[in-house]
C-alpha atoms as a PDB file:
ATOM      1  CA  MET A   1       0.363   0.064  -0.195  1.00  0.00           C
ATOM      2  CA  PHE A   2       1.215   3.507  -0.863  1.00  0.00           C
ATOM      3  CA  SER A   3       1.864   6.403   1.639  1.00  0.00           C
ATOM      4  CA  PHE A   4       1.570   9.599   1.090  1.00  0.00           C
ATOM      5  CA  PRO A   5       5.049  10.812   0.747  1.00  0.00           C
ATOM      6  CA  ASN A   6       5.337   7.473  -1.995  1.00  0.00           C
ATOM      7  CA  ILE A   7       2.215   8.892  -3.832  1.00  0.00           C
ATOM      8  CA  TYR A   8       3.973  12.539  -4.037  1.00  0.00           C
ATOM      9  CA  LYS A   9       7.402  10.803  -5.034  1.00  0.00           C
ATOM     10  CA  TYR A  10       6.020   9.037  -7.954  1.00  0.00           C
ATOM     11  CA  THR A  11       3.850  11.940  -8.961  1.00  0.00           C
ATOM     12  CA  LEU A  12       6.943  13.942  -8.908  1.00  0.00           C
ATOM     13  CA  ILE A  13       9.010  11.628 -11.089  1.00  0.00           C
ATOM     14  CA  LEU A  14       6.106  11.164 -13.569  1.00  0.00           C
ATOM     15  CA  THR A  15       5.620  14.745 -13.899  1.00  0.00           C
ATOM     16  CA  ILE A  16       9.579  15.368 -14.470  1.00  0.00           C
ATOM     17  CA  PHE A  17       9.822  12.131 -16.919  1.00  0.00           C
ATOM     18  CA  THR A  18       6.795  13.760 -18.760  1.00  0.00           C
ATOM     19  CA  ALA A  19       8.266  17.159 -19.255  1.00  0.00           C
ATOM     20  CA  ALA A  20      11.487  15.831 -20.437  1.00  0.00           C
ATOM     21  CA  LEU A  21       9.817  13.557 -23.285  1.00  0.00           C
ATOM     22  CA  SER A  22       7.944  16.793 -24.028  1.00  0.00           C
ATOM     23  CA  HIS A  23      10.743  18.881 -24.552  1.00  0.00           C
ATOM     24  CA  CYS A  24      12.538  15.618 -26.555  1.00  0.00           C
ATOM     25  CA  SER A  25       9.595  15.469 -29.217  1.00  0.00           C
ATOM     26  CA  SER A  26       8.682  19.354 -29.869  1.00  0.00           C
ATOM     27  CA  PRO A  27      11.302  21.337 -31.367  1.00  0.00           C
ATOM     28  CA  SER A  28      12.300  24.627 -29.621  1.00  0.00           C
ATOM     29  CA  SER A  29      12.361  27.629 -31.107  1.00  0.00           C
ATOM     30  CA  ALA A  30      16.191  28.032 -31.963  1.00  0.00           C
ATOM     31  CA  PRO A  31      16.280  24.753 -34.390  1.00  0.00           C
ATOM     32  CA  ASN A  32      13.297  26.098 -35.822  1.00  0.00           C
ATOM     33  CA  SER A  33      14.801  29.478 -36.283  1.00  0.00           C
ATOM     34  CA  GLN A  34      17.945  27.813 -37.617  1.00  0.00           C
ATOM     35  CA  HIS A  35      16.349  26.126 -39.578  1.00  0.00           C
ATOM     36  CA  LYS A  36      14.638  28.517 -41.152  1.00  0.00           C
ATOM     37  CA  GLU A  37      17.575  30.619 -41.879  1.00  0.00           C
ATOM     38  CA  GLU A  38      19.750  27.744 -43.426  1.00  0.00           C
ATOM     39  CA  ALA A  39      16.567  26.830 -45.929  1.00  0.00           C
ATOM     40  CA  PHE A  40      16.551  30.335 -47.836  1.00  0.00           C
ATOM     41  CA  SER A  41      20.459  30.974 -47.410  1.00  0.00           C
ATOM     42  CA  SER A  42      22.033  29.080 -50.754  1.00  0.00           C
ATOM     43  CA  SER A  43      22.064  30.634 -54.096  1.00  0.00           C
ATOM     44  CA  ALA A  44      20.749  28.845 -57.442  1.00  0.00           C
ATOM     45  CA  PRO A  45      21.326  29.525 -61.320  1.00  0.00           C
ATOM     46  CA  SER A  46      20.494  32.627 -62.593  1.00  0.00           C
ATOM     47  CA  GLN A  47      17.224  32.620 -65.068  1.00  0.00           C
ATOM     48  CA  PRO A  48      16.921  35.163 -67.675  1.00  0.00           C
ATOM     49  CA  PRO A  49      14.041  37.350 -67.788  1.00  0.00           C
ATOM     50  CA  VAL A  50      11.001  36.446 -68.422  1.00  0.00           C
ATOM     51  CA  ASP A  51       8.690  39.472 -70.004  1.00  0.00           C
ATOM     52  CA  PRO A  52       5.379  40.249 -68.538  1.00  0.00           C
ATOM     53  CA  ILE A  53       2.314  39.751 -70.338  1.00  0.00           C
ATOM     54  CA  ILE A  54      -0.172  42.166 -69.831  1.00  0.00           C
ATOM     55  CA  ARG A  55      -3.365  43.167 -72.464  1.00  0.00           C
ATOM     56  CA  ARG A  56      -6.336  44.587 -71.981  1.00  0.00           C
ATOM     57  CA  GLU A  57     -10.048  43.655 -72.738  1.00  0.00           C
ATOM     58  CA  GLY A  58     -12.371  46.201 -72.332  1.00  0.00           C
ATOM     59  CA  HIS A  59     -12.395  46.645 -68.379  1.00  0.00           C
ATOM     60  CA  THR A  60     -10.451  43.582 -67.933  1.00  0.00           C
ATOM     61  CA  VAL A  61      -7.182  43.356 -67.553  1.00  0.00           C
ATOM     62  CA  TYR A  62      -5.198  40.328 -67.984  1.00  0.00           C
ATOM     63  CA  ILE A  63      -1.617  40.181 -66.509  1.00  0.00           C
ATOM     64  CA  GLU A  64       0.888  37.435 -66.880  1.00  0.00           C
ATOM     65  CA  MET A  65       4.156  37.514 -64.121  1.00  0.00           C
ATOM     66  CA  THR A  66       6.877  35.224 -63.278  1.00  0.00           C
ATOM     67  CA  ALA A  67       8.600  34.373 -60.529  1.00  0.00           C
ATOM     68  CA  GLN A  68      11.743  33.452 -61.110  1.00  0.00           C
ATOM     69  CA  VAL A  69      15.840  33.588 -59.567  1.00  0.00           C
ATOM     70  CA  THR A  70      18.353  36.263 -61.632  1.00  0.00           C
ATOM     71  CA  ASP A  71      21.154  37.805 -60.667  1.00  0.00           C
ATOM     72  CA  ILE A  72      20.883  41.503 -60.657  1.00  0.00           C
ATOM     73  CA  GLU A  73      23.362  44.344 -59.945  1.00  0.00           C
ATOM     74  CA  ILE A  74      22.600  46.472 -57.252  1.00  0.00           C
ATOM     75  CA  SER A  75      25.807  48.468 -56.830  1.00  0.00           C
ATOM     76  CA  LYS A  76      28.445  48.964 -59.183  1.00  0.00           C
ATOM     77  CA  GLY A  77      30.356  45.138 -58.940  1.00  0.00           C
ATOM     78  CA  VAL A  78      27.676  43.807 -56.313  1.00  0.00           C
ATOM     79  CA  ILE A  79      25.836  41.097 -57.928  1.00  0.00           C
ATOM     80  CA  TYR A  80      22.513  39.590 -55.824  1.00  0.00           C
ATOM     81  CA  ASN A  81      21.606  36.470 -56.754  1.00  0.00           C
ATOM     82  CA  ALA A  82      17.329  37.989 -56.602  1.00  0.00           C
ATOM     83  CA  TRP A  83      14.378  36.255 -55.810  1.00  0.00           C
ATOM     84  CA  THR A  84      12.552  38.507 -58.462  1.00  0.00           C
ATOM     85  CA  PHE A  85       8.933  38.859 -60.847  1.00  0.00           C
ATOM     86  CA  ASN A  86      10.147  38.888 -63.946  1.00  0.00           C
ATOM     87  CA  GLY A  87      14.249  38.826 -63.517  1.00  0.00           C
ATOM     88  CA  THR A  88      14.041  42.803 -62.331  1.00  0.00           C
ATOM     89  CA  SER A  89      13.672  44.256 -59.045  1.00  0.00           C
ATOM     90  CA  PRO A  90      11.896  45.990 -58.452  1.00  0.00           C
ATOM     91  CA  GLY A  91       9.173  44.202 -60.593  1.00  0.00           C
ATOM     92  CA  PRO A  92       7.215  45.759 -63.602  1.00  0.00           C
ATOM     93  CA  VAL A  93       5.318  48.511 -62.754  1.00  0.00           C
ATOM     94  CA  LEU A  94       1.507  47.399 -63.615  1.00  0.00           C
ATOM     95  CA  ARG A  95      -1.439  50.143 -64.582  1.00  0.00           C
ATOM     96  CA  VAL A  96      -4.965  49.286 -64.141  1.00  0.00           C
ATOM     97  CA  LYS A  97      -8.080  51.842 -63.964  1.00  0.00           C
ATOM     98  CA  GLU A  98     -10.184  52.109 -61.017  1.00  0.00           C
ATOM     99  CA  GLY A  99     -13.266  49.676 -61.940  1.00  0.00           C
ATOM    100  CA  ASP A 100     -11.141  47.358 -64.141  1.00  0.00           C
ATOM    101  CA  THR A 101     -11.263  43.762 -63.169  1.00  0.00           C
ATOM    102  CA  ILE A 102      -7.467  41.859 -62.718  1.00  0.00           C
ATOM    103  CA  VAL A 103      -7.051  38.482 -64.183  1.00  0.00           C
ATOM    104  CA  PHE A 104      -3.778  37.633 -62.591  1.00  0.00           C
ATOM    105  CA  THR A 105      -1.586  34.547 -63.604  1.00  0.00           C
ATOM    106  CA  LEU A 106       1.643  33.722 -61.507  1.00  0.00           C
ATOM    107  CA  LYS A 107       3.887  31.357 -63.293  1.00  0.00           C
ATOM    108  CA  ASN A 108       6.475  29.579 -60.541  1.00  0.00           C
ATOM    109  CA  LYS A 109      10.165  28.695 -62.498  1.00  0.00           C
ATOM    110  CA  ASP A 110      11.818  28.828 -59.178  1.00  0.00           C
ATOM    111  CA  THR A 111      12.629  25.186 -58.631  1.00  0.00           C
ATOM    112  CA  ARG A 112      13.206  25.339 -54.803  1.00  0.00           C
ATOM    113  CA  MET A 113      10.116  27.099 -53.375  1.00  0.00           C
ATOM    114  CA  ASN A 114       6.489  28.457 -53.689  1.00  0.00           C
ATOM    115  CA  HIS A 115       5.737  31.729 -54.620  1.00  0.00           C
ATOM    116  CA  SER A 116       2.854  34.061 -54.611  1.00  0.00           C
ATOM    117  CA  MET A 117       1.301  37.747 -55.185  1.00  0.00           C
ATOM    118  CA  ASP A 118       0.146  39.487 -52.118  1.00  0.00           C
ATOM    119  CA  MET A 119      -1.769  42.601 -54.576  1.00  0.00           C
ATOM    120  CA  HIS A 120      -2.432  45.743 -52.211  1.00  0.00           C
ATOM    121  CA  ALA A 121      -4.657  47.135 -54.649  1.00  0.00           C
ATOM    122  CA  VAL A 122      -7.210  44.966 -54.218  1.00  0.00           C
ATOM    123  CA  HIS A 123     -10.104  43.589 -51.871  1.00  0.00           C
ATOM    124  CA  ALA A 124     -10.033  39.581 -52.158  1.00  0.00           C
ATOM    125  CA  SER A 125      -9.588  36.594 -49.658  1.00  0.00           C
ATOM    126  CA  PRO A 126      -6.044  35.861 -48.729  1.00  0.00           C
ATOM    127  CA  SER A 127      -6.712  32.226 -47.913  1.00  0.00           C
ATOM    128  CA  ARG A 128      -7.804  32.143 -51.547  1.00  0.00           C
ATOM    129  CA  LYS A 129      -6.497  34.738 -54.117  1.00  0.00           C
ATOM    130  CA  PHE A 130      -2.851  35.350 -52.439  1.00  0.00           C
ATOM    131  CA  ILE A 131      -2.100  31.610 -51.953  1.00  0.00           C
ATOM    132  CA  ASP A 132       1.163  29.915 -52.876  1.00  0.00           C
ATOM    133  CA  VAL A 133       1.763  28.596 -56.720  1.00  0.00           C
ATOM    134  CA  MET A 134       4.600  25.552 -56.741  1.00  0.00           C
ATOM    135  CA  PRO A 135       7.626  25.023 -58.738  1.00  0.00           C
ATOM    136  CA  GLY A 136       6.877  25.070 -62.133  1.00  0.00           C
ATOM    137  CA  GLU A 137       3.334  25.220 -61.311  1.00  0.00           C
ATOM    138  CA  GLU A 138       1.364  28.622 -62.334  1.00  0.00           C
ATOM    139  CA  GLY A 139      -1.736  29.978 -60.380  1.00  0.00           C
ATOM    140  CA  THR A 140      -4.964  32.471 -61.813  1.00  0.00           C
ATOM    141  CA  PHE A 141      -6.351  34.522 -60.058  1.00  0.00           C
ATOM    142  CA  THR A 142      -9.290  37.279 -60.701  1.00  0.00           C
ATOM    143  CA  TYR A 143      -9.760  40.887 -58.327  1.00  0.00           C
ATOM    144  CA  PRO A 144     -11.970  43.875 -58.741  1.00  0.00           C
ATOM    145  CA  ALA A 145      -9.588  46.862 -58.788  1.00  0.00           C
ATOM    146  CA  THR A 146     -11.766  49.244 -57.341  1.00  0.00           C
ATOM    147  CA  SER A 147      -9.832  51.845 -54.798  1.00  0.00           C
ATOM    148  CA  PRO A 148      -7.182  54.217 -56.599  1.00  0.00           C
ATOM    149  CA  GLY A 149      -4.147  54.674 -55.445  1.00  0.00           C
ATOM    150  CA  VAL A 150      -0.352  53.940 -55.611  1.00  0.00           C
ATOM    151  CA  PHE A 151       0.180  50.470 -54.077  1.00  0.00           C
ATOM    152  CA  MET A 152       2.748  47.753 -53.107  1.00  0.00           C
ATOM    153  CA  TYR A 153       3.045  43.972 -54.606  1.00  0.00           C
ATOM    154  CA  HIS A 154       4.944  41.502 -52.794  1.00  0.00           C
ATOM    155  CA  CYS A 155       5.325  37.922 -52.583  1.00  0.00           C
ATOM    156  CA  GLY A 156       3.380  36.819 -49.467  1.00  0.00           C
ATOM    157  CA  SER A 157       5.177  32.998 -48.954  1.00  0.00           C
ATOM    158  CA  LYS A 158       6.105  32.489 -45.528  1.00  0.00           C
ATOM    159  CA  PRO A 159       8.807  33.856 -44.552  1.00  0.00           C
ATOM    160  CA  THR A 160       7.481  37.012 -46.190  1.00  0.00           C
ATOM    161  CA  LEU A 161      10.466  38.982 -44.857  1.00  0.00           C
ATOM    162  CA  ALA A 162      13.048  36.948 -46.971  1.00  0.00           C
ATOM    163  CA  HIS A 163      10.793  36.919 -49.779  1.00  0.00           C
ATOM    164  CA  ILE A 164      10.679  40.795 -49.850  1.00  0.00           C
ATOM    165  CA  ALA A 165      14.181  41.504 -48.748  1.00  0.00           C
ATOM    166  CA  ASN A 166      15.422  38.966 -51.917  1.00  0.00           C
ATOM    167  CA  GLY A 167      13.796  41.620 -54.325  1.00  0.00           C
ATOM    168  CA  MET A 168      10.183  40.171 -54.917  1.00  0.00           C
ATOM    169  CA  TYR A 169       8.084  43.157 -54.785  1.00  0.00           C
ATOM    170  CA  GLY A 170       7.039  45.735 -57.176  1.00  0.00           C
ATOM    171  CA  MET A 171       4.396  48.763 -57.604  1.00  0.00           C
ATOM    172  CA  ILE A 172       0.611  48.986 -58.999  1.00  0.00           C
ATOM    173  CA  ILE A 173      -1.212  51.714 -60.021  1.00  0.00           C
ATOM    174  CA  VAL A 174      -4.777  51.982 -60.107  1.00  0.00           C
ATOM    175  CA  GLU A 175      -5.674  55.512 -62.035  1.00  0.00           C
ATOM    176  CA  PRO A 176      -8.773  56.975 -60.733  1.00  0.00           C
ATOM    177  CA  LYS A 177     -11.740  57.045 -62.571  1.00  0.00           C
ATOM    178  CA  ALA A 178     -12.214  60.454 -62.870  1.00  0.00           C
ATOM    179  CA  GLY A 179      -8.414  61.338 -63.028  1.00  0.00           C
ATOM    180  CA  TYR A 180      -6.673  63.633 -60.213  1.00  0.00           C
ATOM    181  CA  PRO A 181      -7.596  66.752 -60.308  1.00  0.00           C
ATOM    182  CA  SER A 182      -3.943  68.198 -61.410  1.00  0.00           C
ATOM    183  CA  ASP A 183      -4.266  66.153 -64.326  1.00  0.00           C
ATOM    184  CA  HIS A 184      -4.105  68.982 -66.620  1.00  0.00           C
ATOM    185  CA  LEU A 185      -0.743  70.763 -64.717  1.00  0.00           C
ATOM    186  CA  ILE A 186       1.337  67.911 -65.287  1.00  0.00           C
ATOM    187  CA  ASP A 187       4.381  67.916 -67.776  1.00  0.00           C
ATOM    188  CA  ARG A 188       6.416  65.228 -66.438  1.00  0.00           C
ATOM    189  CA  SER A 189       5.469  61.946 -64.506  1.00  0.00           C
ATOM    190  CA  TYR A 190       8.099  58.980 -62.997  1.00  0.00           C
ATOM    191  CA  THR A 191       7.613  56.438 -60.962  1.00  0.00           C
ATOM    192  CA  LEU A 192      10.470  55.624 -58.518  1.00  0.00           C
ATOM    193  CA  VAL A 193      10.348  52.669 -55.813  1.00  0.00           C
ATOM    194  CA  GLN A 194      12.454  52.769 -52.810  1.00  0.00           C
ATOM    195  CA  SER A 195      13.459  49.350 -51.098  1.00  0.00           C
ATOM    196  CA  GLU A 196      16.684  48.020 -49.103  1.00  0.00           C
ATOM    197  CA  TRP A 197      18.970  45.198 -49.723  1.00  0.00           C
ATOM    198  CA  TYR A 198      20.733  42.955 -46.730  1.00  0.00           C
ATOM    199  CA  LYS A 199      23.304  40.696 -46.764  1.00  0.00           C
ATOM    200  CA  GLU A 200      22.871  38.135 -49.564  1.00  0.00           C
ATOM    201  CA  HIS A 201      19.777  35.350 -48.309  1.00  0.00           C
ATOM    202  CA  ASP A 202      20.849  36.120 -44.678  1.00  0.00           C
ATOM    203  CA  TYR A 203      17.782  35.984 -42.847  1.00  0.00           C
ATOM    204  CA  ASN A 204      19.352  36.901 -39.433  1.00  0.00           C
ATOM    205  CA  SER A 205      20.695  39.883 -41.492  1.00  0.00           C
ATOM    206  CA  PHE A 206      16.974  40.634 -42.784  1.00  0.00           C
ATOM    207  CA  LEU A 207      15.974  40.424 -39.188  1.00  0.00           C
ATOM    208  CA  ASN A 208      18.132  42.176 -37.128  1.00  0.00           C
ATOM    209  CA  GLU A 209      20.581  43.982 -39.064  1.00  0.00           C
ATOM    210  CA  GLU A 210      20.667  47.378 -40.897  1.00  0.00           C
ATOM    211  CA  PRO A 211      20.757  47.261 -45.169  1.00  0.00           C
ATOM    212  CA  GLU A 212      23.425  47.670 -46.886  1.00  0.00           C
ATOM    213  CA  TYR A 213      22.233  49.558 -49.361  1.00  0.00           C
ATOM    214  CA  VAL A 214      18.776  51.466 -49.797  1.00  0.00           C
ATOM    215  CA  VAL A 215      17.994  52.115 -53.579  1.00  0.00           C
ATOM    216  CA  PHE A 216      15.729  53.686 -55.741  1.00  0.00           C
ATOM    217  CA  ASN A 217      14.492  51.437 -58.737  1.00  0.00           C
ATOM    218  CA  GLY A 218      16.724  48.924 -57.791  1.00  0.00           C
ATOM    219  CA  ASN A 219      20.278  50.183 -57.497  1.00  0.00           C
ATOM    220  CA  THR A 220      22.492  52.846 -56.207  1.00  0.00           C
ATOM    221  CA  TYR A 221      23.519  54.150 -59.403  1.00  0.00           C
ATOM    222  CA  THR A 222      21.590  54.319 -62.476  1.00  0.00           C
ATOM    223  CA  LEU A 223      19.526  57.509 -61.575  1.00  0.00           C
ATOM    224  CA  LYS A 224      22.200  59.206 -60.913  1.00  0.00           C
ATOM    225  CA  GLU A 225      24.238  57.861 -64.529  1.00  0.00           C
ATOM    226  CA  HIS A 226      21.002  58.468 -66.178  1.00  0.00           C
ATOM    227  CA  PRO A 227      19.171  61.498 -64.639  1.00  0.00           C
ATOM    228  CA  LEU A 228      15.319  62.291 -64.571  1.00  0.00           C
ATOM    229  CA  PHE A 229      14.607  65.164 -67.143  1.00  0.00           C
ATOM    230  CA  ALA A 230      12.139  67.965 -66.873  1.00  0.00           C
ATOM    231  CA  LYS A 231      12.622  71.704 -68.260  1.00  0.00           C
ATOM    232  CA  ALA A 232      12.256  74.937 -66.274  1.00  0.00           C
ATOM    233  CA  GLY A 233       8.851  75.766 -65.124  1.00  0.00           C
ATOM    234  CA  ASP A 234       7.846  72.102 -65.688  1.00  0.00           C
ATOM    235  CA  THR A 235       5.371  70.640 -62.803  1.00  0.00           C
ATOM    236  CA  VAL A 236       6.521  66.842 -62.382  1.00  0.00           C
ATOM    237  CA  ARG A 237       4.646  64.229 -61.115  1.00  0.00           C
ATOM    238  CA  ILE A 238       6.394  61.334 -59.230  1.00  0.00           C
ATOM    239  CA  TYR A 239       4.455  57.954 -58.442  1.00  0.00           C
ATOM    240  CA  ILE A 240       6.684  56.879 -55.126  1.00  0.00           C
ATOM    241  CA  SER A 241       6.202  53.630 -53.313  1.00  0.00           C
ATOM    242  CA  ASN A 242       8.373  52.318 -50.643  1.00  0.00           C
ATOM    243  CA  ALA A 243       8.858  48.430 -50.808  1.00  0.00           C
ATOM    244  CA  GLY A 244      10.742  48.413 -47.148  1.00  0.00           C
ATOM    245  CA  PRO A 245      10.595  45.728 -45.645  1.00  0.00           C
ATOM    246  CA  ASN A 246      11.586  47.615 -42.839  1.00  0.00           C
ATOM    247  CA  GLU A 247      12.889  51.391 -43.210  1.00  0.00           C
ATOM    248  CA  VAL A 248      10.733  54.376 -43.417  1.00  0.00           C
ATOM    249  CA  SER A 249      11.188  56.830 -46.259  1.00  0.00           C
ATOM    250  CA  SER A 250      11.676  60.553 -45.549  1.00  0.00           C
ATOM    251  CA  PHE A 251      10.974  61.619 -49.269  1.00  0.00           C
ATOM    252  CA  HIS A 252      12.371  64.793 -50.629  1.00  0.00           C
ATOM    253  CA  VAL A 253      13.415  66.893 -53.449  1.00  0.00           C
ATOM    254  CA  VAL A 254      15.693  69.387 -53.016  1.00  0.00           C
ATOM    255  CA  GLY A 255      15.357  72.695 -54.113  1.00  0.00           C
ATOM    256  CA  THR A 256      11.789  72.603 -54.200  1.00  0.00           C
ATOM    257  CA  MET A 257       8.517  71.296 -52.191  1.00  0.00           C
ATOM    258  CA  MET A 258       5.667  69.421 -53.075  1.00  0.00           C
ATOM    259  CA  ASP A 259       2.752  71.651 -54.268  1.00  0.00           C
ATOM    260  CA  ARG A 260       0.535  68.594 -54.239  1.00  0.00           C
ATOM    261  CA  VAL A 261       0.491  65.234 -52.252  1.00  0.00           C
ATOM    262  CA  TYR A 262      -1.939  62.426 -52.707  1.00  0.00           C
ATOM    263  CA  THR A 263      -1.582  60.397 -49.707  1.00  0.00           C
ATOM    264  CA  ASP A 264      -1.513  56.278 -50.982  1.00  0.00           C
ATOM    265  CA  GLY A 265      -2.394  57.910 -54.418  1.00  0.00           C
ATOM    266  CA  ASN A 266      -5.822  58.186 -53.882  1.00  0.00           C
ATOM    267  CA  PRO A 267      -7.326  61.837 -54.860  1.00  0.00           C
ATOM    268  CA  ARG A 268      -9.568  62.267 -51.719  1.00  0.00           C
ATOM    269  CA  ASN A 269      -6.190  62.563 -49.292  1.00  0.00           C
ATOM    270  CA  ILE A 270      -4.609  65.662 -50.698  1.00  0.00           C
ATOM    271  CA  GLN A 271      -2.262  67.587 -49.180  1.00  0.00           C
ATOM    272  CA  TYR A 272      -0.334  71.071 -49.933  1.00  0.00           C
ATOM    273  CA  GLY A 273       3.313  72.379 -49.421  1.00  0.00           C
ATOM    274  CA  ILE A 274       4.439  69.702 -47.643  1.00  0.00           C
ATOM    275  CA  GLN A 275       8.476  69.615 -47.357  1.00  0.00           C
ATOM    276  CA  THR A 276       9.289  66.077 -47.180  1.00  0.00           C
ATOM    277  CA  VAL A 277       6.471  62.844 -47.411  1.00  0.00           C
ATOM    278  CA  MET A 278       6.571  59.967 -44.548  1.00  0.00           C
ATOM    279  CA  LEU A 279       6.526  56.665 -46.316  1.00  0.00           C
ATOM    280  CA  PRO A 280       6.018  53.502 -44.014  1.00  0.00           C
ATOM    281  CA  ALA A 281       7.017  50.340 -45.408  1.00  0.00           C
ATOM    282  CA  SER A 282       4.481  49.385 -48.508  1.00  0.00           C
ATOM    283  CA  GLY A 283       3.275  53.013 -48.086  1.00  0.00           C
ATOM    284  CA  GLY A 284       2.785  55.085 -51.713  1.00  0.00           C
ATOM    285  CA  ALA A 285       1.677  58.792 -52.864  1.00  0.00           C
ATOM    286  CA  VAL A 286       1.666  60.653 -55.671  1.00  0.00           C
ATOM    287  CA  VAL A 287       3.778  64.138 -55.454  1.00  0.00           C
ATOM    288  CA  GLU A 288       3.585  66.967 -57.225  1.00  0.00           C
ATOM    289  CA  PHE A 289       6.242  70.044 -57.687  1.00  0.00           C
ATOM    290  CA  THR A 290       7.233  72.491 -60.204  1.00  0.00           C
ATOM    291  CA  VAL A 291      10.945  73.449 -61.077  1.00  0.00           C
ATOM    292  CA  THR A 292      11.615  77.211 -61.602  1.00  0.00           C
ATOM    293  CA  GLU A 293      15.442  77.237 -62.576  1.00  0.00           C
ATOM    294  CA  GLU A 294      17.683  75.023 -64.522  1.00  0.00           C
ATOM    295  CA  GLY A 295      19.753  72.815 -62.864  1.00  0.00           C
ATOM    296  CA  ASP A 296      20.440  69.675 -60.712  1.00  0.00           C
ATOM    297  CA  TYR A 297      17.608  68.653 -58.141  1.00  0.00           C
ATOM    298  CA  PRO A 298      18.710  65.746 -55.992  1.00  0.00           C
ATOM    299  CA  ILE A 299      15.593  63.162 -55.048  1.00  0.00           C
ATOM    300  CA  VAL A 300      17.001  61.725 -51.761  1.00  0.00           C
ATOM    301  CA  THR A 301      14.540  60.082 -48.426  1.00  0.00           C
ATOM    302  CA  HIS A 302      15.968  62.894 -45.677  1.00  0.00           C
ATOM    303  CA  GLN A 303      17.308  59.616 -43.507  1.00  0.00           C
ATOM    304  CA  PHE A 304      21.059  60.570 -44.684  1.00  0.00           C
ATOM    305  CA  LYS A 305      22.379  57.118 -43.840  1.00  0.00           C
ATOM    306  CA  HIS A 306      20.093  55.950 -46.223  1.00  0.00           C
ATOM    307  CA  VAL A 307      21.293  58.571 -49.057  1.00  0.00           C
ATOM    308  CA  ASP A 308      24.867  57.469 -47.888  1.00  0.00           C
ATOM    309  CA  LYS A 309      24.160  53.748 -48.909  1.00  0.00           C
ATOM    310  CA  GLY A 310      22.565  54.953 -52.303  1.00  0.00           C
ATOM    311  CA  ALA A 311      19.383  56.090 -51.438  1.00  0.00           C
ATOM    312  CA  SER A 312      19.439  59.275 -54.013  1.00  0.00           C
ATOM    313  CA  ALA A 313      18.644  60.098 -57.467  1.00  0.00           C
ATOM    314  CA  VAL A 314      18.768  63.288 -59.764  1.00  0.00           C
ATOM    315  CA  LEU A 315      15.960  64.989 -61.371  1.00  0.00           C
ATOM    316  CA  ARG A 316      18.219  67.172 -64.184  1.00  0.00           C
ATOM    317  CA  VAL A 317      16.243  70.591 -65.263  1.00  0.00           C
ATOM    318  CA  THR A 318      17.388  71.949 -68.624  1.00  0.00           C
ATOM    319  CA  LYS A 319      16.339  74.691 -71.042  1.00  0.00           C
ATOM    320  CA  ASP A 320      14.808  72.183 -73.433  1.00  0.00           C
ATOM    321  CA  GLY A 321      14.215  68.825 -70.815  1.00  0.00           C
ATOM    322  CA  LYS A 322      17.095  67.236 -73.076  1.00  0.00           C
ATOM    323  CA  ASP A 323      19.815  65.587 -71.894  1.00  0.00           C
ATOM    324  CA  HIS A 324      23.115  67.748 -72.639  1.00  0.00           C
ATOM    325  CA  GLY A 325      25.600  65.958 -71.114  1.00  0.00           C
ATOM    326  CA  GLY A 326      27.833  67.032 -67.974  1.00  0.00           C
ATOM    327  CA  THR A 327      28.364  65.529 -63.938  1.00  0.00           C
ATOM    328  CA  THR A 328      25.335  64.918 -62.099  1.00  0.00           C
ATOM    329  CA  MET A 329      24.960  66.493 -58.288  1.00  0.00           C
ATOM    330  CA  SER A 330      23.647  64.447 -56.075  1.00  0.00           C
ATOM    331  CA  HIS A 331      23.425  64.108 -52.314  1.00  0.00           C
END
């Protein structure tokens, strides 16, 4: 017959044994984290870019894009084995109109992992319309574009941070049905996407470290060597998106101020006389400003440590709006 002390003794032994067994059979958070980091750390053979296919039939826009791995130059002589849409990062700029129906097809040429499309511009069930497409397969999804604006799209497969940080993002513009009230004032328009590059395929770097490069339109140099152009007196519109994945953009054009800012690109969200536009990760805007004199106007994020890491472009203003050569000024 067991005494009460013996019952307590055996109960304690059983409790310790059960806890030990549970610890052995359930993976700890550290191995999970390590496995996640290792799963995305290897490079893959570079695939030639595949052109997107975009066609309109009435109010329906058919878009076909490809998920693929492609080597891209993110700074002079620095090649990144990027996960991309159609071989570029950012991916193609997409344009539809408010009220359109989007029929979107994603082909996955990445032989190693699933990819997907998270389209910020639409109302859709993520569990039905943003689902993974397996390697070598394709998926087609239909959704309405009912809200005008400047939106981010990105791969939403887990871990989403890795897919965005490795290059899978872009901009989609949903043009307002009635246009912007300032359309008649615009002489030139451009698109810019700000984003970050970290240590290649290093999940710990994505999580915990500062970006190695912060860029406009994918790299540190193109928009300095090949500036945007306008002529003196022009009103310029820029569709701007901050893809992140981690940093805020303080968007600023040196030498002028924003006549109008449409937050998230929605014509109802209008502000006037803004010096710097704050864009959270995934945020967008339409900014409009006038350049009154000839010269070079640096375009930056006013977080200047990011400028030193590459986030600057140049708008060159000339008498006739054409390129006459010369070294650009940048910050």
